[in-house]
Amino acid sequence: MSLKAKVHITLKNGVLDPQGKAIEHSLHSLGFKDIANVRQGKYIELNITEIDKIAAKSKVENICKALLANTVIENYSVEIVD
């Protein structure tokens, strides 16, 4: 059996987000003047061969700490779904 892990990675509050600023600037250039404080992040899906959701989440969190997220400047959240 395999489960799907959905991982959201975002910059921590207070960390400069140049890509978010570029997106915000582009939106303003397109006439969307009411948009502010744009932050961008990453979304990753993984299939994991595991039957226990708690064990799957633990493994994916270890993957985040080891590779997917820079925990000094990024936060991550993991959701396990069937």
N, C-alpha and C. Protein backbone atom coordinates (compact mmCIF):
# COMPACT_ATOMS: atom_id res chain seq x y z
N MET A 1 0.85 -1.18 0.00
CA MET A 1 0.00 0.00 0.00
C MET A 1 0.89 1.24 0.00
N SER A 2 0.42 2.25 -0.68
CA SER A 2 1.20 3.49 -0.68
C SER A 2 0.31 4.65 -0.29
N LEU A 3 0.91 5.61 0.37
CA LEU A 3 0.24 6.83 0.78
C LEU A 3 0.86 8.01 0.04
N LYS A 4 0.13 9.09 -0.03
CA LYS A 4 0.65 10.30 -0.66
C LYS A 4 0.97 11.31 0.42
N ALA A 5 2.14 11.90 0.32
CA ALA A 5 2.55 12.98 1.21
C ALA A 5 2.51 14.29 0.43
N LYS A 6 1.87 15.28 1.02
CA LYS A 6 1.82 16.62 0.44
C LYS A 6 2.66 17.53 1.34
N VAL A 7 3.69 18.11 0.77
CA VAL A 7 4.64 18.93 1.54
C VAL A 7 4.56 20.37 1.05
N HIS A 8 4.34 21.29 1.98
CA HIS A 8 4.36 22.72 1.68
C HIS A 8 5.57 23.32 2.39
N ILE A 9 6.39 24.04 1.64
CA ILE A 9 7.59 24.66 2.19
C ILE A 9 7.50 26.16 1.93
N THR A 10 7.65 26.95 2.99
CA THR A 10 7.58 28.40 2.85
C THR A 10 8.72 29.03 3.64
N LEU A 11 9.07 30.23 3.25
CA LEU A 11 10.08 30.97 4.00
C LEU A 11 9.52 31.40 5.34
N LYS A 12 10.36 31.40 6.35
CA LYS A 12 9.95 31.85 7.67
C LYS A 12 9.66 33.35 7.63
N ASN A 13 8.79 33.79 8.54
CA ASN A 13 8.51 35.23 8.65
C ASN A 13 9.80 35.97 8.93
N GLY A 14 9.96 37.11 8.29
CA GLY A 14 11.15 37.92 8.49
C GLY A 14 12.27 37.62 7.50
N VAL A 15 12.16 36.52 6.76
CA VAL A 15 13.17 36.18 5.75
C VAL A 15 12.77 36.88 4.44
N LEU A 16 13.71 37.60 3.87
CA LEU A 16 13.47 38.31 2.62
C LEU A 16 13.06 37.33 1.53
N ASP A 17 12.00 37.67 0.79
CA ASP A 17 11.48 36.82 -0.28
C ASP A 17 11.52 37.58 -1.61
N PRO A 18 12.68 37.57 -2.30
CA PRO A 18 12.79 38.34 -3.55
C PRO A 18 11.84 37.84 -4.64
N GLN A 19 11.59 36.55 -4.70
CA GLN A 19 10.66 36.05 -5.72
C GLN A 19 9.24 36.53 -5.42
N GLY A 20 8.87 36.52 -4.16
CA GLY A 20 7.55 37.04 -3.78
C GLY A 20 7.42 38.51 -4.15
N LYS A 21 8.48 39.29 -3.91
CA LYS A 21 8.46 40.71 -4.27
C LYS A 21 8.34 40.89 -5.79
N ALA A 22 9.04 40.04 -6.56
CA ALA A 22 8.96 40.13 -8.02
C ALA A 22 7.55 39.81 -8.50
N ILE A 23 6.93 38.81 -7.90
CA ILE A 23 5.55 38.45 -8.25
C ILE A 23 4.62 39.61 -7.91
N GLU A 24 4.79 40.17 -6.72
CA GLU A 24 3.96 41.31 -6.30
C GLU A 24 4.11 42.48 -7.26
N HIS A 25 5.35 42.79 -7.66
CA HIS A 25 5.61 43.89 -8.60
C HIS A 25 4.92 43.61 -9.94
N SER A 26 5.02 42.38 -10.43
CA SER A 26 4.38 42.02 -11.70
C SER A 26 2.86 42.14 -11.61
N LEU A 27 2.30 41.71 -10.48
CA LEU A 27 0.86 41.84 -10.30
C LEU A 27 0.43 43.30 -10.31
N HIS A 28 1.20 44.16 -9.66
CA HIS A 28 0.90 45.59 -9.66
C HIS A 28 0.98 46.14 -11.08
N SER A 29 1.98 45.69 -11.85
CA SER A 29 2.13 46.13 -13.25
C SER A 29 0.95 45.71 -14.10
N LEU A 30 0.32 44.60 -13.73
CA LEU A 30 -0.85 44.10 -14.46
C LEU A 30 -2.15 44.72 -13.98
N GLY A 31 -2.06 45.63 -13.03
CA GLY A 31 -3.25 46.33 -12.56
C GLY A 31 -3.85 45.80 -11.27
N PHE A 32 -3.23 44.80 -10.69
CA PHE A 32 -3.72 44.25 -9.43
C PHE A 32 -3.08 45.01 -8.26
N LYS A 33 -3.50 46.24 -8.08
CA LYS A 33 -2.87 47.14 -7.10
C LYS A 33 -3.22 46.81 -5.66
N ASP A 34 -4.27 46.02 -5.46
CA ASP A 34 -4.72 45.72 -4.10
C ASP A 34 -4.04 44.48 -3.50
N ILE A 35 -3.01 43.96 -4.15
CA ILE A 35 -2.26 42.79 -3.68
C ILE A 35 -1.02 43.28 -2.92
N ALA A 36 -0.77 42.65 -1.76
CA ALA A 36 0.39 43.06 -0.97
C ALA A 36 0.98 41.85 -0.24
N ASN A 37 2.23 41.98 0.14
CA ASN A 37 2.92 40.97 0.96
C ASN A 37 2.89 39.57 0.33
N VAL A 38 3.23 39.47 -0.92
CA VAL A 38 3.24 38.18 -1.62
C VAL A 38 4.43 37.37 -1.12
N ARG A 39 4.18 36.13 -0.77
CA ARG A 39 5.21 35.17 -0.36
C ARG A 39 5.06 33.96 -1.25
N GLN A 40 6.14 33.43 -1.73
CA GLN A 40 6.08 32.23 -2.57
C GLN A 40 6.72 31.08 -1.83
N GLY A 41 6.40 29.86 -2.27
CA GLY A 41 6.95 28.69 -1.62
C GLY A 41 7.03 27.53 -2.61
N LYS A 42 7.19 26.33 -2.03
CA LYS A 42 7.29 25.12 -2.85
C LYS A 42 6.22 24.14 -2.39
N TYR A 43 5.73 23.36 -3.33
CA TYR A 43 4.78 22.29 -3.04
C TYR A 43 5.33 21.02 -3.67
N ILE A 44 5.44 19.96 -2.88
CA ILE A 44 6.01 18.70 -3.35
C ILE A 44 5.08 17.57 -2.95
N GLU A 45 4.81 16.65 -3.88
CA GLU A 45 4.05 15.44 -3.57
C GLU A 45 4.96 14.23 -3.68
N LEU A 46 4.81 13.33 -2.73
CA LEU A 46 5.60 12.10 -2.72
C LEU A 46 4.66 10.92 -2.48
N ASN A 47 4.88 9.82 -3.17
CA ASN A 47 4.21 8.57 -2.82
C ASN A 47 5.18 7.78 -1.96
N ILE A 48 4.66 7.25 -0.86
CA ILE A 48 5.50 6.52 0.07
C ILE A 48 4.86 5.17 0.37
N THR A 49 5.63 4.12 0.23
CA THR A 49 5.15 2.77 0.49
C THR A 49 5.14 2.54 2.00
N GLU A 50 4.00 2.79 2.58
CA GLU A 50 3.85 2.70 4.03
C GLU A 50 2.37 2.54 4.32
N ILE A 51 2.03 1.76 5.33
CA ILE A 51 0.62 1.60 5.66
C ILE A 51 0.22 2.44 6.89
N ASP A 52 1.18 2.81 7.68
CA ASP A 52 0.93 3.59 8.88
C ASP A 52 1.14 5.07 8.60
N LYS A 53 0.08 5.87 8.74
CA LYS A 53 0.18 7.30 8.44
C LYS A 53 1.17 8.02 9.35
N ILE A 54 1.24 7.62 10.60
CA ILE A 54 2.16 8.28 11.54
C ILE A 54 3.61 8.00 11.14
N ALA A 55 3.89 6.74 10.79
CA ALA A 55 5.25 6.39 10.35
C ALA A 55 5.59 7.10 9.04
N ALA A 56 4.62 7.19 8.13
CA ALA A 56 4.84 7.88 6.86
C ALA A 56 5.16 9.35 7.09
N LYS A 57 4.39 9.98 7.97
CA LYS A 57 4.63 11.41 8.24
C LYS A 57 6.01 11.61 8.85
N SER A 58 6.40 10.73 9.76
CA SER A 58 7.72 10.82 10.37
C SER A 58 8.83 10.70 9.33
N LYS A 59 8.69 9.75 8.41
CA LYS A 59 9.69 9.58 7.35
C LYS A 59 9.79 10.82 6.48
N VAL A 60 8.64 11.36 6.09
CA VAL A 60 8.64 12.53 5.21
C VAL A 60 9.20 13.75 5.95
N GLU A 61 8.92 13.88 7.23
CA GLU A 61 9.51 14.98 7.99
C GLU A 61 11.03 14.85 8.04
N ASN A 62 11.53 13.63 8.17
CA ASN A 62 12.98 13.42 8.12
C ASN A 62 13.55 13.79 6.76
N ILE A 63 12.81 13.48 5.70
CA ILE A 63 13.22 13.85 4.34
C ILE A 63 13.28 15.38 4.21
N CYS A 64 12.29 16.05 4.77
CA CYS A 64 12.27 17.52 4.73
C CYS A 64 13.49 18.09 5.42
N LYS A 65 13.79 17.57 6.61
CA LYS A 65 14.93 18.07 7.38
C LYS A 65 16.26 17.78 6.68
N ALA A 66 16.34 16.62 6.00
CA ALA A 66 17.59 16.21 5.36
C ALA A 66 17.81 16.85 4.00
N LEU A 67 16.72 17.12 3.26
CA LEU A 67 16.91 17.53 1.86
C LEU A 67 15.96 18.62 1.37
N LEU A 68 14.69 18.48 1.63
CA LEU A 68 13.71 19.33 0.95
C LEU A 68 13.64 20.76 1.47
N ALA A 69 13.85 20.95 2.77
CA ALA A 69 13.71 22.29 3.35
C ALA A 69 15.02 22.71 4.02
N ASN A 70 15.31 23.99 3.89
CA ASN A 70 16.42 24.58 4.64
C ASN A 70 15.79 25.10 5.93
N THR A 71 15.88 24.31 6.98
CA THR A 71 15.14 24.63 8.20
C THR A 71 15.65 25.87 8.93
N VAL A 72 16.75 26.43 8.49
CA VAL A 72 17.23 27.69 9.06
C VAL A 72 16.32 28.83 8.62
N ILE A 73 15.88 28.80 7.36
CA ILE A 73 15.08 29.89 6.82
C ILE A 73 13.69 29.47 6.33
N GLU A 74 13.39 28.16 6.34
CA GLU A 74 12.11 27.69 5.81
C GLU A 74 11.33 26.87 6.85
N ASN A 75 10.02 27.00 6.76
CA ASN A 75 9.10 26.13 7.50
C ASN A 75 8.54 25.12 6.52
N TYR A 76 8.10 23.99 7.04
CA TYR A 76 7.44 23.01 6.18
C TYR A 76 6.27 22.39 6.94
N SER A 77 5.31 21.91 6.17
CA SER A 77 4.21 21.15 6.75
C SER A 77 3.99 19.93 5.89
N VAL A 78 3.61 18.84 6.54
CA VAL A 78 3.42 17.56 5.85
C VAL A 78 1.99 17.08 6.10
N GLU A 79 1.31 16.70 5.04
CA GLU A 79 -0.02 16.10 5.14
C GLU A 79 0.07 14.73 4.46
N ILE A 80 -0.42 13.71 5.13
CA ILE A 80 -0.46 12.35 4.58
C ILE A 80 -1.90 12.03 4.22
N VAL A 81 -2.12 11.61 2.98
CA VAL A 81 -3.47 11.23 2.52
C VAL A 81 -3.43 9.86 1.88
N ASP A 82 -4.59 9.21 1.84
CA ASP A 82 -4.69 7.88 1.21
C ASP A 82 -4.59 7.98 -0.29
